[in-house]
Amino acid sequence: MVEMGVLNPVADTKTEKFELASRLTDLSGKTIGLFWNAKSGGDILLEQNA
């Protein structure tokens, strides 16, 4: 008789809880960086908002 092994390709999920970083009350005097990830239309969005 031939044996056949079956494997489950689904990995176990790993959950980890963590504290969120404190938030700024406003952006006065701060510098904000905008990043384009090369998706379609992103260059237009940056040109209009930069």
C-alpha atoms as a PDB file:
ATOM      1  CA  MET A   1       0.000   0.000   0.000  1.00  0.00           C
ATOM      2  CA  VAL A   2       1.261   3.497  -0.847  1.00  0.00           C
ATOM      3  CA  GLU A   3       1.061   6.265   1.740  1.00  0.00           C
ATOM      4  CA  MET A   4       0.418   9.855   0.784  1.00  0.00           C
ATOM      5  CA  GLY A   5       1.102  12.763   3.115  1.00  0.00           C
ATOM      6  CA  VAL A   6      -1.051  15.887   2.987  1.00  0.00           C
ATOM      7  CA  LEU A   7       0.400  19.200   4.121  1.00  0.00           C
ATOM      8  CA  ASN A   8      -1.536  22.300   5.121  1.00  0.00           C
ATOM      9  CA  PRO A   9      -0.003  25.349   3.357  1.00  0.00           C
ATOM     10  CA  VAL A  10      -1.663  27.837   5.718  1.00  0.00           C
ATOM     11  CA  ALA A  11       0.701  29.335   8.278  1.00  0.00           C
ATOM     12  CA  ASP A  12      -0.275  29.884  11.881  1.00  0.00           C
ATOM     13  CA  THR A  13      -1.258  33.469  12.564  1.00  0.00           C
ATOM     14  CA  LYS A  14       0.868  35.442  14.968  1.00  0.00           C
ATOM     15  CA  THR A  15      -0.792  38.378  16.691  1.00  0.00           C
ATOM     16  CA  GLU A  16       1.054  40.884  18.784  1.00  0.00           C
ATOM     17  CA  LYS A  17      -0.443  43.817  20.681  1.00  0.00           C
ATOM     18  CA  PHE A  18       1.457  47.074  20.984  1.00  0.00           C
ATOM     19  CA  GLU A  19       0.883  50.646  22.085  1.00  0.00           C
ATOM     20  CA  LEU A  20       0.234  53.290  19.445  1.00  0.00           C
ATOM     21  CA  ALA A  21       2.695  56.167  19.217  1.00  0.00           C
ATOM     22  CA  SER A  22       1.520  59.414  20.779  1.00  0.00           C
ATOM     23  CA  ARG A  23      -0.048  61.819  18.297  1.00  0.00           C
ATOM     24  CA  LEU A  24       0.803  65.460  17.675  1.00  0.00           C
ATOM     25  CA  THR A  25      -1.828  68.001  18.628  1.00  0.00           C
ATOM     26  CA  ASP A  26      -1.148  70.042  15.463  1.00  0.00           C
ATOM     27  CA  LEU A  27       1.341  70.287  12.603  1.00  0.00           C
ATOM     28  CA  SER A  28       2.439  73.885  13.187  1.00  0.00           C
ATOM     29  CA  GLY A  29       6.177  74.194  12.570  1.00  0.00           C
ATOM     30  CA  LYS A  30       6.457  70.576  11.417  1.00  0.00           C
ATOM     31  CA  THR A  31       7.796  69.238   8.112  1.00  0.00           C
ATOM     32  CA  ILE A  32       5.706  66.621   6.313  1.00  0.00           C
ATOM     33  CA  GLY A  33       7.175  64.226   3.738  1.00  0.00           C
ATOM     34  CA  LEU A  34       5.048  62.896   0.880  1.00  0.00           C
ATOM     35  CA  PHE A  35       6.036  59.648  -0.806  1.00  0.00           C
ATOM     36  CA  TRP A  36       4.927  58.335  -4.202  1.00  0.00           C
ATOM     37  CA  ASN A  37       4.923  54.540  -4.493  1.00  0.00           C
ATOM     38  CA  ALA A  38       4.729  54.684  -8.327  1.00  0.00           C
ATOM     39  CA  LYS A  39       1.032  53.792  -8.512  1.00  0.00           C
ATOM     40  CA  SER A  40      -0.948  55.276 -11.359  1.00  0.00           C
ATOM     41  CA  GLY A  41      -2.039  58.863 -10.676  1.00  0.00           C
ATOM     42  CA  GLY A  42       0.180  59.293  -7.629  1.00  0.00           C
ATOM     43  CA  ASP A  43       2.420  61.765  -9.437  1.00  0.00           C
ATOM     44  CA  ILE A  44      -0.608  63.960 -10.210  1.00  0.00           C
ATOM     45  CA  LEU A  45      -1.713  63.886  -6.579  1.00  0.00           C
ATOM     46  CA  LEU A  46       1.742  64.928  -5.384  1.00  0.00           C
ATOM     47  CA  GLU A  47       1.986  67.760  -7.934  1.00  0.00           C
ATOM     48  CA  GLN A  48      -1.399  69.131  -6.822  1.00  0.00           C
ATOM     49  CA  ASN A  49      -0.603  68.928  -3.108  1.00  0.00           C
ATOM     50  CA  ALA A  50       3.092  69.754  -2.939  1.00  0.00           C
END
